[in-house]
Amino acid sequence: MKKVALLVAAALMAPSAAFAHQAGDILVRGGAATVAPHSSGDKVGTGHLEPDSNTQLGLTFSYMVTDNWGVELLAATPFSHSVRTAGFGEVAKIKHLPPTLMGQYYFGNAQSKVRPYVGAGVNYTMFFDEEGRGALSTSDVKLDDSWGLAAQAGIDMNVTDNLFVNASAWLIDIDTDVETDIGTFKTNIDPVVLMVGMGYSF
């Protein structure tokens, strides 16, 4: 009886294995997500249309198909950007949502406390609440929605069996036509999206 009691006590005191992302897990991540555009395309005046960076609440939802393969959806609260161009300053204010669906590969195995991962997929960006400013304050401004490819790299580090910290980055291809009363301008926004936060696995 004493031997059984000692074995039970030892089992209770032993550290539990850290199961970091295994088949069937749902991973929810949240944190600060920053969209940093890298613009090119047609010029307005002497420069490209350049949205500034903006930070919002980012959320991702992943499902682990196997211990190493997952599917992720990126969501966020709406991003708001001031759009500027050389020689004219601010010419528009826009908002957008960039839902992105990714297929992911996680390095390591289900017992790894640190899981780097990479991903590739498709992005759909929806623009809304466009408003002309400055030189375009009297103009109607409209941005076409965009479909494009996306690539991703990230890392999860376990704090407990279910709680982990996360850092991730996306490169997203966003091309749009900016329609104004003075013409239509093809613009490639192509942002880097950076997110740092926490996650929980169910």
C-alpha atoms as a PDB file:
ATOM      1  CA  MET A   1       0.000   0.000   0.000  1.00  0.00           C
ATOM      2  CA  LYS A   2       2.852   2.344   0.838  1.00  0.00           C
ATOM      3  CA  LYS A   3       4.396   1.646  -2.585  1.00  0.00           C
ATOM      4  CA  VAL A   4       1.127   2.544  -4.323  1.00  0.00           C
ATOM      5  CA  ALA A   5       0.852   5.756  -2.313  1.00  0.00           C
ATOM      6  CA  LEU A   6       4.435   6.690  -3.209  1.00  0.00           C
ATOM      7  CA  LEU A   7       3.796   6.043  -6.919  1.00  0.00           C
ATOM      8  CA  VAL A   8       0.634   8.188  -6.883  1.00  0.00           C
ATOM      9  CA  ALA A   9       2.475  11.006  -5.086  1.00  0.00           C
ATOM     10  CA  ALA A  10       5.336  10.823  -7.572  1.00  0.00           C
ATOM     11  CA  ALA A  11       2.908  10.974 -10.488  1.00  0.00           C
ATOM     12  CA  LEU A  12       1.172  14.035  -9.046  1.00  0.00           C
ATOM     13  CA  MET A  13       4.471  15.821  -8.454  1.00  0.00           C
ATOM     14  CA  ALA A  14       5.967  15.032 -11.859  1.00  0.00           C
ATOM     15  CA  PRO A  15       5.872  17.909 -14.393  1.00  0.00           C
ATOM     16  CA  SER A  16       3.240  17.454 -17.090  1.00  0.00           C
ATOM     17  CA  ALA A  17       4.283  17.165 -20.713  1.00  0.00           C
ATOM     18  CA  ALA A  18       3.826  20.339 -22.728  1.00  0.00           C
ATOM     19  CA  PHE A  19       1.643  19.432 -25.663  1.00  0.00           C
ATOM     20  CA  ALA A  20       2.129  22.331 -28.053  1.00  0.00           C
ATOM     21  CA  HIS A  21      -0.249  22.070 -31.004  1.00  0.00           C
ATOM     22  CA  GLN A  22      -1.353  18.572 -31.944  1.00  0.00           C
ATOM     23  CA  ALA A  23      -3.866  17.212 -34.443  1.00  0.00           C
ATOM     24  CA  GLY A  24      -7.386  18.412 -33.676  1.00  0.00           C
ATOM     25  CA  ASP A  25      -6.341  21.492 -31.671  1.00  0.00           C
ATOM     26  CA  ILE A  26      -7.980  24.870 -32.274  1.00  0.00           C
ATOM     27  CA  LEU A  27      -5.537  27.760 -31.741  1.00  0.00           C
ATOM     28  CA  VAL A  28      -6.816  31.268 -31.041  1.00  0.00           C
ATOM     29  CA  ARG A  29      -4.292  34.113 -31.090  1.00  0.00           C
ATOM     30  CA  GLY A  30      -4.804  37.781 -30.338  1.00  0.00           C
ATOM     31  CA  GLY A  31      -2.539  40.809 -30.179  1.00  0.00           C
ATOM     32  CA  ALA A  32      -1.431  44.091 -31.703  1.00  0.00           C
ATOM     33  CA  ALA A  33      -1.315  43.875 -35.504  1.00  0.00           C
ATOM     34  CA  THR A  34       0.429  46.576 -37.545  1.00  0.00           C
ATOM     35  CA  VAL A  35      -0.089  47.039 -41.293  1.00  0.00           C
ATOM     36  CA  ALA A  36       2.937  48.760 -42.857  1.00  0.00           C
ATOM     37  CA  PRO A  37       2.286  49.479 -46.582  1.00  0.00           C
ATOM     38  CA  HIS A  38       5.054  49.477 -49.210  1.00  0.00           C
ATOM     39  CA  SER A  39       3.390  51.373 -52.041  1.00  0.00           C
ATOM     40  CA  SER A  40       4.142  51.658 -55.737  1.00  0.00           C
ATOM     41  CA  GLY A  41       2.155  52.179 -58.933  1.00  0.00           C
ATOM     42  CA  ASP A  42       0.837  55.206 -60.813  1.00  0.00           C
ATOM     43  CA  LYS A  43       1.951  58.606 -59.596  1.00  0.00           C
ATOM     44  CA  VAL A  44      -0.334  61.386 -58.435  1.00  0.00           C
ATOM     45  CA  GLY A  45       1.621  64.579 -58.868  1.00  0.00           C
ATOM     46  CA  THR A  46       5.250  63.654 -58.181  1.00  0.00           C
ATOM     47  CA  GLY A  47       4.689  60.635 -55.931  1.00  0.00           C
ATOM     48  CA  HIS A  48       2.811  57.390 -55.374  1.00  0.00           C
ATOM     49  CA  LEU A  49      -0.278  57.151 -53.224  1.00  0.00           C
ATOM     50  CA  GLU A  50       1.142  56.080 -49.856  1.00  0.00           C
ATOM     51  CA  PRO A  51      -1.111  54.916 -46.986  1.00  0.00           C
ATOM     52  CA  ASP A  52       0.497  55.312 -43.568  1.00  0.00           C
ATOM     53  CA  SER A  53       0.917  52.462 -41.066  1.00  0.00           C
ATOM     54  CA  ASN A  54      -1.849  51.571 -38.650  1.00  0.00           C
ATOM     55  CA  THR A  55      -2.153  49.235 -35.646  1.00  0.00           C
ATOM     56  CA  GLN A  56      -5.328  47.403 -34.637  1.00  0.00           C
ATOM     57  CA  LEU A  57      -6.434  44.292 -32.739  1.00  0.00           C
ATOM     58  CA  GLY A  58      -5.422  41.223 -34.742  1.00  0.00           C
ATOM     59  CA  LEU A  59      -7.019  37.794 -34.331  1.00  0.00           C
ATOM     60  CA  THR A  60      -6.130  34.457 -35.890  1.00  0.00           C
ATOM     61  CA  PHE A  61      -7.990  31.171 -35.725  1.00  0.00           C
ATOM     62  CA  SER A  62      -6.111  27.985 -36.615  1.00  0.00           C
ATOM     63  CA  TYR A  63      -7.067  24.334 -36.841  1.00  0.00           C
ATOM     64  CA  MET A  64      -4.364  21.669 -36.618  1.00  0.00           C
ATOM     65  CA  VAL A  65      -5.144  19.088 -39.302  1.00  0.00           C
ATOM     66  CA  THR A  66      -2.133  17.014 -38.184  1.00  0.00           C
ATOM     67  CA  ASP A  67       0.623  17.636 -35.611  1.00  0.00           C
ATOM     68  CA  ASN A  68       2.506  19.619 -38.291  1.00  0.00           C
ATOM     69  CA  TRP A  69      -0.081  20.958 -40.744  1.00  0.00           C
ATOM     70  CA  GLY A  70      -2.661  23.617 -39.961  1.00  0.00           C
ATOM     71  CA  VAL A  71      -5.136  26.039 -41.555  1.00  0.00           C
ATOM     72  CA  GLU A  72      -5.404  29.626 -40.315  1.00  0.00           C
ATOM     73  CA  LEU A  73      -7.754  32.580 -40.834  1.00  0.00           C
ATOM     74  CA  LEU A  74      -6.434  36.084 -40.091  1.00  0.00           C
ATOM     75  CA  ALA A  75      -8.988  38.691 -38.974  1.00  0.00           C
ATOM     76  CA  ALA A  76      -8.760  42.130 -37.359  1.00  0.00           C
ATOM     77  CA  THR A  77     -10.638  45.226 -36.369  1.00  0.00           C
ATOM     78  CA  PRO A  78     -10.764  47.682 -39.332  1.00  0.00           C
ATOM     79  CA  PHE A  79      -7.488  49.358 -40.253  1.00  0.00           C
ATOM     80  CA  SER A  80      -7.615  53.114 -40.912  1.00  0.00           C
ATOM     81  CA  HIS A  81      -5.030  54.862 -43.105  1.00  0.00           C
ATOM     82  CA  SER A  82      -4.228  58.408 -44.085  1.00  0.00           C
ATOM     83  CA  VAL A  83      -3.162  58.410 -47.762  1.00  0.00           C
ATOM     84  CA  ARG A  84      -0.497  60.909 -48.808  1.00  0.00           C
ATOM     85  CA  THR A  85       1.416  61.737 -51.969  1.00  0.00           C
ATOM     86  CA  ALA A  86       4.497  63.896 -52.571  1.00  0.00           C
ATOM     87  CA  GLY A  87       3.597  67.465 -53.441  1.00  0.00           C
ATOM     88  CA  PHE A  88      -0.011  67.251 -52.224  1.00  0.00           C
ATOM     89  CA  GLY A  89       0.234  65.860 -48.686  1.00  0.00           C
ATOM     90  CA  GLU A  90      -2.821  64.014 -47.409  1.00  0.00           C
ATOM     91  CA  VAL A  91      -5.319  63.319 -50.203  1.00  0.00           C
ATOM     92  CA  ALA A  92      -7.575  60.615 -48.737  1.00  0.00           C
ATOM     93  CA  LYS A  93      -8.628  58.646 -45.677  1.00  0.00           C
ATOM     94  CA  ILE A  94      -9.516  54.964 -46.093  1.00  0.00           C
ATOM     95  CA  LYS A  95     -10.439  51.897 -44.046  1.00  0.00           C
ATOM     96  CA  HIS A  96      -9.982  48.246 -44.914  1.00  0.00           C
ATOM     97  CA  LEU A  97     -10.318  44.680 -43.661  1.00  0.00           C
ATOM     98  CA  PRO A  98      -7.800  42.070 -44.912  1.00  0.00           C
ATOM     99  CA  PRO A  99      -9.087  38.528 -44.101  1.00  0.00           C
ATOM    100  CA  THR A 100      -6.380  36.034 -45.092  1.00  0.00           C
ATOM    101  CA  LEU A 101      -6.632  32.241 -45.313  1.00  0.00           C
ATOM    102  CA  MET A 102      -3.357  30.352 -44.878  1.00  0.00           C
ATOM    103  CA  GLY A 103      -2.108  26.783 -45.081  1.00  0.00           C
ATOM    104  CA  GLN A 104       0.649  26.333 -42.478  1.00  0.00           C
ATOM    105  CA  TYR A 105       3.506  23.971 -41.681  1.00  0.00           C
ATOM    106  CA  TYR A 106       4.712  23.762 -38.061  1.00  0.00           C
ATOM    107  CA  PHE A 107       8.249  22.597 -37.333  1.00  0.00           C
ATOM    108  CA  GLY A 108       8.951  20.256 -34.418  1.00  0.00           C
ATOM    109  CA  ASN A 109       6.394  17.893 -32.921  1.00  0.00           C
ATOM    110  CA  ALA A 110       3.473  17.882 -30.469  1.00  0.00           C
ATOM    111  CA  GLN A 111       5.851  17.809 -27.479  1.00  0.00           C
ATOM    112  CA  SER A 112       7.892  20.819 -28.654  1.00  0.00           C
ATOM    113  CA  LYS A 113       7.534  23.901 -26.451  1.00  0.00           C
ATOM    114  CA  VAL A 114       8.643  26.158 -29.324  1.00  0.00           C
ATOM    115  CA  ARG A 115       6.895  25.803 -32.699  1.00  0.00           C
ATOM    116  CA  PRO A 116       8.187  27.938 -35.601  1.00  0.00           C
ATOM    117  CA  TYR A 117       5.898  27.852 -38.633  1.00  0.00           C
ATOM    118  CA  VAL A 118       5.529  29.105 -42.190  1.00  0.00           C
ATOM    119  CA  GLY A 119       2.440  29.549 -44.314  1.00  0.00           C
ATOM    120  CA  ALA A 120       1.090  30.487 -47.729  1.00  0.00           C
ATOM    121  CA  GLY A 121      -2.382  31.387 -48.863  1.00  0.00           C
ATOM    122  CA  VAL A 122      -4.764  33.978 -50.272  1.00  0.00           C
ATOM    123  CA  ASN A 123      -5.886  37.424 -49.105  1.00  0.00           C
ATOM    124  CA  TYR A 124      -9.084  39.349 -49.780  1.00  0.00           C
ATOM    125  CA  THR A 125      -8.968  43.048 -48.898  1.00  0.00           C
ATOM    126  CA  MET A 126     -12.185  45.040 -48.654  1.00  0.00           C
ATOM    127  CA  PHE A 127     -11.958  48.855 -48.707  1.00  0.00           C
ATOM    128  CA  PHE A 128     -14.684  51.106 -47.306  1.00  0.00           C
ATOM    129  CA  ASP A 129     -15.381  54.577 -45.877  1.00  0.00           C
ATOM    130  CA  GLU A 130     -13.092  56.210 -48.434  1.00  0.00           C
ATOM    131  CA  GLU A 131     -12.966  60.003 -48.110  1.00  0.00           C
ATOM    132  CA  GLY A 132     -11.156  62.599 -50.201  1.00  0.00           C
ATOM    133  CA  ARG A 133      -8.919  65.021 -48.300  1.00  0.00           C
ATOM    134  CA  GLY A 134      -6.827  68.059 -49.236  1.00  0.00           C
ATOM    135  CA  ALA A 135      -6.494  68.323 -53.018  1.00  0.00           C
ATOM    136  CA  LEU A 136      -9.172  65.602 -53.379  1.00  0.00           C
ATOM    137  CA  SER A 137     -11.537  66.961 -50.719  1.00  0.00           C
ATOM    138  CA  THR A 138     -14.248  67.653 -53.324  1.00  0.00           C
ATOM    139  CA  SER A 139     -13.670  64.389 -55.220  1.00  0.00           C
ATOM    140  CA  ASP A 140     -15.376  61.031 -54.838  1.00  0.00           C
ATOM    141  CA  VAL A 141     -12.713  58.458 -53.925  1.00  0.00           C
ATOM    142  CA  LYS A 142     -13.252  54.713 -54.364  1.00  0.00           C
ATOM    143  CA  LEU A 143     -10.802  51.805 -53.975  1.00  0.00           C
ATOM    144  CA  ASP A 144     -11.539  48.477 -55.625  1.00  0.00           C
ATOM    145  CA  ASP A 145     -11.417  45.389 -53.440  1.00  0.00           C
ATOM    146  CA  SER A 146      -8.373  43.164 -53.943  1.00  0.00           C
ATOM    147  CA  TRP A 147      -7.494  39.462 -54.183  1.00  0.00           C
ATOM    148  CA  GLY A 148      -3.843  38.492 -53.767  1.00  0.00           C
ATOM    149  CA  LEU A 149      -1.348  35.938 -52.494  1.00  0.00           C
ATOM    150  CA  ALA A 150       0.124  35.973 -48.993  1.00  0.00           C
ATOM    151  CA  ALA A 151       3.122  34.414 -47.233  1.00  0.00           C
ATOM    152  CA  GLN A 152       3.713  34.066 -43.514  1.00  0.00           C
ATOM    153  CA  ALA A 153       6.295  33.182 -40.863  1.00  0.00           C
ATOM    154  CA  GLY A 154       5.748  32.949 -37.132  1.00  0.00           C
ATOM    155  CA  ILE A 155       6.653  31.311 -33.853  1.00  0.00           C
ATOM    156  CA  ASP A 156       4.669  30.056 -30.845  1.00  0.00           C
ATOM    157  CA  MET A 157       6.340  29.556 -27.440  1.00  0.00           C
ATOM    158  CA  ASN A 158       4.467  27.649 -24.739  1.00  0.00           C
ATOM    159  CA  VAL A 159       3.912  29.222 -21.318  1.00  0.00           C
ATOM    160  CA  THR A 160       1.633  26.414 -20.081  1.00  0.00           C
ATOM    161  CA  ASP A 161       0.119  23.351 -21.772  1.00  0.00           C
ATOM    162  CA  ASN A 162      -2.492  25.587 -23.432  1.00  0.00           C
ATOM    163  CA  LEU A 163      -1.224  29.178 -23.188  1.00  0.00           C
ATOM    164  CA  PHE A 164       1.512  30.480 -25.480  1.00  0.00           C
ATOM    165  CA  VAL A 165       3.069  33.700 -26.749  1.00  0.00           C
ATOM    166  CA  ASN A 166       3.176  34.405 -30.466  1.00  0.00           C
ATOM    167  CA  ALA A 167       4.995  36.590 -32.985  1.00  0.00           C
ATOM    168  CA  SER A 168       4.111  36.453 -36.679  1.00  0.00           C
ATOM    169  CA  ALA A 169       4.559  38.337 -39.935  1.00  0.00           C
ATOM    170  CA  TRP A 170       2.739  38.306 -43.271  1.00  0.00           C
ATOM    171  CA  LEU A 171       3.667  39.621 -46.709  1.00  0.00           C
ATOM    172  CA  ILE A 172       0.441  40.403 -48.572  1.00  0.00           C
ATOM    173  CA  ASP A 173      -0.084  41.311 -52.229  1.00  0.00           C
ATOM    174  CA  ILE A 174      -2.743  44.063 -52.344  1.00  0.00           C
ATOM    175  CA  ASP A 175      -3.343  45.778 -55.696  1.00  0.00           C
ATOM    176  CA  THR A 176      -6.193  48.216 -56.211  1.00  0.00           C
ATOM    177  CA  ASP A 177      -7.507  50.867 -58.592  1.00  0.00           C
ATOM    178  CA  VAL A 178      -8.033  54.215 -56.849  1.00  0.00           C
ATOM    179  CA  GLU A 179     -10.899  55.926 -58.641  1.00  0.00           C
ATOM    180  CA  THR A 180     -11.201  59.719 -58.319  1.00  0.00           C
ATOM    181  CA  ASP A 181     -12.847  62.560 -60.257  1.00  0.00           C
ATOM    182  CA  ILE A 182      -9.473  63.381 -61.855  1.00  0.00           C
ATOM    183  CA  GLY A 183      -8.680  59.827 -62.972  1.00  0.00           C
ATOM    184  CA  THR A 184      -7.984  56.251 -61.910  1.00  0.00           C
ATOM    185  CA  PHE A 185      -4.633  55.326 -60.400  1.00  0.00           C
ATOM    186  CA  LYS A 186      -3.327  51.770 -60.141  1.00  0.00           C
ATOM    187  CA  THR A 187      -1.752  51.311 -56.716  1.00  0.00           C
ATOM    188  CA  ASN A 188       0.178  48.395 -55.232  1.00  0.00           C
ATOM    189  CA  ILE A 189       0.000  48.589 -51.436  1.00  0.00           C
ATOM    190  CA  ASP A 190       1.781  45.268 -50.650  1.00  0.00           C
ATOM    191  CA  PRO A 191       2.035  45.627 -46.860  1.00  0.00           C
ATOM    192  CA  VAL A 192       4.019  43.794 -44.235  1.00  0.00           C
ATOM    193  CA  VAL A 193       1.713  42.818 -41.359  1.00  0.00           C
ATOM    194  CA  LEU A 194       3.344  42.242 -37.961  1.00  0.00           C
ATOM    195  CA  MET A 195       1.542  40.815 -34.932  1.00  0.00           C
ATOM    196  CA  VAL A 196       2.705  40.114 -31.374  1.00  0.00           C
ATOM    197  CA  GLY A 197       0.391  38.657 -28.763  1.00  0.00           C
ATOM    198  CA  MET A 198      -0.859  35.652 -26.838  1.00  0.00           C
ATOM    199  CA  GLY A 199      -2.614  32.464 -27.855  1.00  0.00           C
ATOM    200  CA  TYR A 200      -4.618  29.619 -26.380  1.00  0.00           C
ATOM    201  CA  SER A 201      -5.124  26.094 -27.657  1.00  0.00           C
ATOM    202  CA  PHE A 202      -8.385  24.189 -27.165  1.00  0.00           C
END
